């Protein structure tokens, strides 16, 4: 098992298992877990995810998580 910290932003916060008021959660996941599997574990609708950063670097869904990673998951955000 590895430990990671996940932050959900904007409209994705409603999927936070710790409650929508919490910005981040600490999780233990199986070694070898990639971002796509993390999205499934957190029950995040894939079509609502626009960008994911790991340790402040943009990553694709096949990125394999490492112990201590800090993950930020962002929806598409419209604005003027």
N, C-alpha and C. Protein backbone atom coordinates (compact mmCIF):
# COMPACT_ATOMS: atom_id res chain seq x y z
N UNK A 1 0.84 -1.18 0.00
CA UNK A 1 0.00 0.00 0.00
C UNK A 1 0.89 1.25 0.00
N UNK A 2 0.39 2.27 -0.69
CA UNK A 2 1.07 3.56 -0.69
C UNK A 2 0.09 4.62 -0.20
N UNK A 3 0.63 5.71 0.30
CA UNK A 3 -0.20 6.80 0.81
C UNK A 3 -0.11 7.99 -0.14
N UNK A 4 -1.29 8.55 -0.44
CA UNK A 4 -1.36 9.72 -1.30
C UNK A 4 -2.32 10.73 -0.69
N UNK A 5 -2.25 11.96 -1.18
CA UNK A 5 -3.20 12.99 -0.78
C UNK A 5 -3.92 13.46 -2.04
N UNK A 6 -5.23 13.50 -1.99
CA UNK A 6 -6.04 13.87 -3.15
C UNK A 6 -6.86 15.11 -2.82
N UNK A 7 -6.79 16.10 -3.72
CA UNK A 7 -7.61 17.30 -3.60
C UNK A 7 -8.56 17.35 -4.79
N UNK A 8 -9.84 17.51 -4.49
CA UNK A 8 -10.86 17.65 -5.52
C UNK A 8 -11.28 19.11 -5.57
N UNK A 9 -11.41 19.65 -6.77
CA UNK A 9 -11.69 21.07 -6.92
C UNK A 9 -13.06 21.32 -7.55
N UNK A 10 -13.62 22.49 -7.19
CA UNK A 10 -14.86 23.00 -7.76
C UNK A 10 -15.98 21.95 -7.66
N UNK A 11 -16.62 21.65 -8.77
CA UNK A 11 -17.78 20.76 -8.76
C UNK A 11 -17.45 19.32 -8.40
N UNK A 12 -16.17 18.94 -8.43
CA UNK A 12 -15.80 17.57 -8.07
C UNK A 12 -15.79 17.33 -6.56
N UNK A 13 -15.81 18.40 -5.78
CA UNK A 13 -15.80 18.24 -4.32
C UNK A 13 -16.98 17.45 -3.80
N UNK A 14 -18.09 17.47 -4.54
CA UNK A 14 -19.27 16.74 -4.08
C UNK A 14 -19.03 15.23 -4.04
N UNK A 15 -17.97 14.76 -4.70
CA UNK A 15 -17.64 13.33 -4.71
C UNK A 15 -16.64 12.94 -3.63
N UNK A 16 -16.21 13.89 -2.81
CA UNK A 16 -15.24 13.61 -1.78
C UNK A 16 -15.85 12.67 -0.73
N UNK A 17 -15.25 11.51 -0.50
CA UNK A 17 -15.83 10.57 0.47
C UNK A 17 -15.83 11.12 1.90
N UNK A 18 -15.00 12.13 2.17
CA UNK A 18 -14.97 12.73 3.50
C UNK A 18 -16.01 13.84 3.65
N UNK A 19 -16.73 14.14 2.56
CA UNK A 19 -17.75 15.18 2.57
C UNK A 19 -17.36 16.34 1.66
N UNK A 20 -18.35 17.00 1.08
CA UNK A 20 -18.08 18.05 0.10
C UNK A 20 -17.37 19.27 0.67
N UNK A 21 -17.38 19.45 1.99
CA UNK A 21 -16.71 20.59 2.59
C UNK A 21 -15.20 20.40 2.73
N UNK A 22 -14.74 19.19 2.57
CA UNK A 22 -13.31 18.90 2.70
C UNK A 22 -12.61 19.09 1.37
N UNK A 23 -11.49 19.79 1.39
CA UNK A 23 -10.76 20.03 0.16
C UNK A 23 -9.89 18.83 -0.21
N UNK A 24 -9.24 18.21 0.78
CA UNK A 24 -8.35 17.10 0.46
C UNK A 24 -8.59 15.92 1.39
N UNK A 25 -8.16 14.77 0.91
CA UNK A 25 -8.26 13.54 1.70
C UNK A 25 -6.96 12.77 1.55
N UNK A 26 -6.63 12.03 2.58
CA UNK A 26 -5.46 11.15 2.53
C UNK A 26 -5.97 9.74 2.35
N UNK A 27 -5.38 9.04 1.40
CA UNK A 27 -5.81 7.69 1.06
C UNK A 27 -4.64 6.72 1.04
N UNK A 28 -4.95 5.46 1.24
CA UNK A 28 -4.00 4.38 0.98
C UNK A 28 -4.55 3.62 -0.21
N UNK A 29 -3.71 3.42 -1.21
CA UNK A 29 -4.11 2.67 -2.40
C UNK A 29 -3.06 1.59 -2.67
N UNK A 30 -3.45 0.62 -3.45
CA UNK A 30 -2.54 -0.46 -3.81
C UNK A 30 -1.37 0.07 -4.63
N UNK A 31 -0.21 -0.46 -4.39
CA UNK A 31 0.94 -0.11 -5.21
C UNK A 31 0.63 -0.50 -6.66
N UNK A 32 0.96 0.35 -7.61
CA UNK A 32 0.67 0.10 -9.01
C UNK A 32 -0.62 0.75 -9.49
N UNK A 33 -1.34 1.43 -8.58
CA UNK A 33 -2.58 2.11 -8.95
C UNK A 33 -2.26 3.29 -9.85
N UNK A 34 -2.98 3.40 -10.97
CA UNK A 34 -2.81 4.57 -11.83
C UNK A 34 -3.97 5.54 -11.60
N UNK A 35 -3.89 6.71 -12.24
CA UNK A 35 -4.92 7.72 -12.03
C UNK A 35 -6.30 7.24 -12.44
N UNK A 36 -6.40 6.52 -13.55
CA UNK A 36 -7.71 6.04 -14.00
C UNK A 36 -8.35 5.15 -12.93
N UNK A 37 -7.55 4.28 -12.30
CA UNK A 37 -8.09 3.43 -11.24
C UNK A 37 -8.47 4.25 -10.01
N UNK A 38 -7.71 5.31 -9.72
CA UNK A 38 -8.06 6.20 -8.62
C UNK A 38 -9.41 6.86 -8.88
N UNK A 39 -9.62 7.33 -10.11
CA UNK A 39 -10.91 7.95 -10.46
C UNK A 39 -12.06 6.97 -10.20
N UNK A 40 -11.86 5.72 -10.59
CA UNK A 40 -12.90 4.70 -10.38
C UNK A 40 -13.12 4.45 -8.89
N UNK A 41 -12.02 4.36 -8.13
CA UNK A 41 -12.13 4.11 -6.70
C UNK A 41 -12.90 5.23 -5.99
N UNK A 42 -12.69 6.47 -6.45
CA UNK A 42 -13.37 7.61 -5.86
C UNK A 42 -14.76 7.85 -6.46
N UNK A 43 -15.13 7.00 -7.44
CA UNK A 43 -16.44 7.10 -8.13
C UNK A 43 -16.61 8.46 -8.79
N UNK A 44 -15.54 8.94 -9.42
CA UNK A 44 -15.59 10.21 -10.15
C UNK A 44 -16.03 9.95 -11.58
N UNK A 45 -17.05 10.63 -12.06
CA UNK A 45 -17.45 10.47 -13.46
C UNK A 45 -16.33 10.96 -14.38
N UNK A 46 -15.83 10.09 -15.23
CA UNK A 46 -14.67 10.41 -16.07
C UNK A 46 -14.95 11.63 -16.96
N UNK A 47 -16.19 11.78 -17.40
CA UNK A 47 -16.50 12.89 -18.29
C UNK A 47 -16.52 14.24 -17.57
N UNK A 48 -16.44 14.24 -16.24
CA UNK A 48 -16.38 15.49 -15.48
C UNK A 48 -14.95 15.92 -15.16
N UNK A 49 -13.98 15.05 -15.42
CA UNK A 49 -12.59 15.35 -15.11
C UNK A 49 -11.91 15.96 -16.33
N UNK A 50 -11.34 17.13 -16.15
CA UNK A 50 -10.65 17.80 -17.26
C UNK A 50 -9.14 17.66 -17.15
N UNK A 51 -8.59 17.93 -15.96
CA UNK A 51 -7.14 17.97 -15.78
C UNK A 51 -6.77 17.37 -14.44
N UNK A 52 -5.66 16.64 -14.43
CA UNK A 52 -5.14 16.09 -13.18
C UNK A 52 -3.67 16.44 -13.06
N UNK A 53 -3.32 16.94 -11.88
CA UNK A 53 -1.93 17.26 -11.57
C UNK A 53 -1.45 16.34 -10.47
N UNK A 54 -0.21 15.88 -10.58
CA UNK A 54 0.43 15.11 -9.53
C UNK A 54 1.73 15.85 -9.20
N UNK A 55 1.84 16.26 -7.94
CA UNK A 55 3.00 17.02 -7.49
C UNK A 55 3.24 18.24 -8.40
N UNK A 56 2.14 18.93 -8.71
CA UNK A 56 2.15 20.16 -9.51
C UNK A 56 2.55 19.97 -10.97
N UNK A 57 2.49 18.75 -11.47
CA UNK A 57 2.76 18.48 -12.90
C UNK A 57 1.55 17.78 -13.49
N UNK A 58 1.15 18.25 -14.65
CA UNK A 58 -0.01 17.65 -15.33
C UNK A 58 0.34 16.21 -15.72
N UNK A 59 -0.60 15.30 -15.45
CA UNK A 59 -0.38 13.89 -15.74
C UNK A 59 -1.59 13.30 -16.45
N UNK A 60 -1.34 12.28 -17.26
CA UNK A 60 -2.42 11.57 -17.94
C UNK A 60 -2.91 10.42 -17.05
N UNK A 61 -4.01 9.82 -17.46
CA UNK A 61 -4.66 8.77 -16.67
C UNK A 61 -3.83 7.54 -16.43
N UNK A 62 -2.79 7.31 -17.25
CA UNK A 62 -1.98 6.11 -17.07
C UNK A 62 -0.79 6.33 -16.10
N UNK A 63 -0.71 7.51 -15.50
CA UNK A 63 0.36 7.78 -14.54
C UNK A 63 0.19 6.85 -13.34
N UNK A 64 1.24 6.15 -12.95
CA UNK A 64 1.21 5.24 -11.81
C UNK A 64 1.60 6.02 -10.56
N UNK A 65 0.71 6.01 -9.59
CA UNK A 65 0.91 6.76 -8.36
C UNK A 65 2.08 6.22 -7.55
N UNK A 66 2.76 7.15 -6.88
CA UNK A 66 3.90 6.81 -6.03
C UNK A 66 3.59 7.25 -4.59
N UNK A 67 4.23 6.60 -3.65
CA UNK A 67 4.04 6.94 -2.24
C UNK A 67 4.34 8.42 -2.02
N UNK A 68 3.42 9.12 -1.36
CA UNK A 68 3.61 10.53 -1.05
C UNK A 68 3.11 11.50 -2.10
N UNK A 69 2.59 10.99 -3.23
CA UNK A 69 2.09 11.87 -4.29
C UNK A 69 0.95 12.74 -3.78
N UNK A 70 0.91 13.97 -4.29
CA UNK A 70 -0.20 14.89 -4.03
C UNK A 70 -0.92 15.09 -5.36
N UNK A 71 -2.18 14.68 -5.39
CA UNK A 71 -2.97 14.67 -6.61
C UNK A 71 -4.04 15.77 -6.54
N UNK A 72 -4.14 16.57 -7.59
CA UNK A 72 -5.19 17.57 -7.72
C UNK A 72 -6.03 17.24 -8.94
N UNK A 73 -7.33 17.11 -8.75
CA UNK A 73 -8.24 16.73 -9.84
C UNK A 73 -9.21 17.89 -10.08
N UNK A 74 -9.25 18.35 -11.33
CA UNK A 74 -10.01 19.53 -11.71
C UNK A 74 -11.06 19.21 -12.77
N UNK A 75 -12.25 19.80 -12.64
CA UNK A 75 -13.26 19.67 -13.70
C UNK A 75 -13.02 20.72 -14.77
N UNK A 76 -13.75 20.60 -15.86
CA UNK A 76 -13.75 21.67 -16.84
C UNK A 76 -14.44 22.87 -16.19
N UNK A 77 -13.83 24.02 -16.33
CA UNK A 77 -14.38 25.21 -15.71
C UNK A 77 -14.66 26.24 -16.80
N UNK A 78 -15.91 26.65 -16.87
CA UNK A 78 -16.29 27.68 -17.84
C UNK A 78 -16.29 29.03 -17.14
N UNK A 79 -16.07 30.02 -17.89
CA UNK A 79 -16.09 31.35 -17.27
C UNK A 79 -15.85 32.41 -18.33
N UNK A 80 -15.97 33.63 -17.88
CA UNK A 80 -15.83 34.71 -18.81
C UNK A 80 -14.67 35.51 -18.46
